Amino acid sequence: MTAPKTSAGTIDQKDIARFNALANSWWDETGPMKPLHLFTPIRLDYIRKSIQNRGLISAKTSSDLPLAPLKILDIGCGGGLLAEPIARLGATVTAIDASTGAIAAAIAHAEAHNISIDYRCMASEELAAIADYHQHFDVIYASEVIEHVSDIHTFAQTIAHLLAPDGVVVITTINRTMPALLFAKFAAEYIVKIVPAGTHQFEKFVRPAELRSAFQDCGILIDDVTGFVPTPHGTFKMSSITAVNYGAAGSFA
């Protein structure tokens, strides 16, 4: 497989500037990243479920480090909200983000808690251009990222280049529906104001069929789509309802 070209890239520079401005807020559970903190447990559960469904780890393991054999890539890691718990479960984690502020925050927090993560400020295409990482990762996840990239087809091709033949890719994102426009965009940004205004662009939300098509074009079959819905306790649970938030997972066909 030919490595994706890096000239055009998939990074939206306006989004990077926006996240750089929030660099000091990543680990503030009451600040602008509060929604991601609330969303982290269900994202972690879905990633583990997807890994188990591919047989990469046993669902019945009693190990404190169930992910220890795995090499995992976190694309768009931000301040490390998912990379840290994944690393604590024993995985060898490489985590990348194009935001210098986010990576600085992630490194500082990991060092303060003595967690070993290979953080890098770079685009996924840049990592894919390094020969040693061709088909390298057992698991690649991009959580709340694909709705910020400029070209989802190039993004999918990059993941396919980095993913091991028997690996699994996991995406969590926002559907492009009227409920998502109302709740994930207008209500979240302008009414409840739980995320900064301008965080999302509705036209960049991704429908499950579009996600499947992008990955199918590079040989990856997305064979699981699971919705995430809020609970009365302020948390989230898995559901068949994918109208707003959902996760998708797959592997090479």
Foldseek 3Di string as FASTA:
>chain_A
DDQFDPPVHFADVVLLVVLLVCLVPCPPCQDQCVVVLLAQVQVLVVQVVQCCVLVVFPPPDPDQQRQQVFEEEEEQCFQPSNVQVNQSSRYAYEYEAQHPSRLVNNVVVCVVVVGDYNYDNDHLSVVLVDVVQFQPGQEYEYEQHQLRTRDVLSVLLSVNRRHHQSHKYKYKHWALAPVQCVPVACCCDPNVNSHDHPNGDSVSGHHPVRNQVSNVVNQKGFDDKWAWDADPVSHIDTHNDRNTIIMIMTHGD
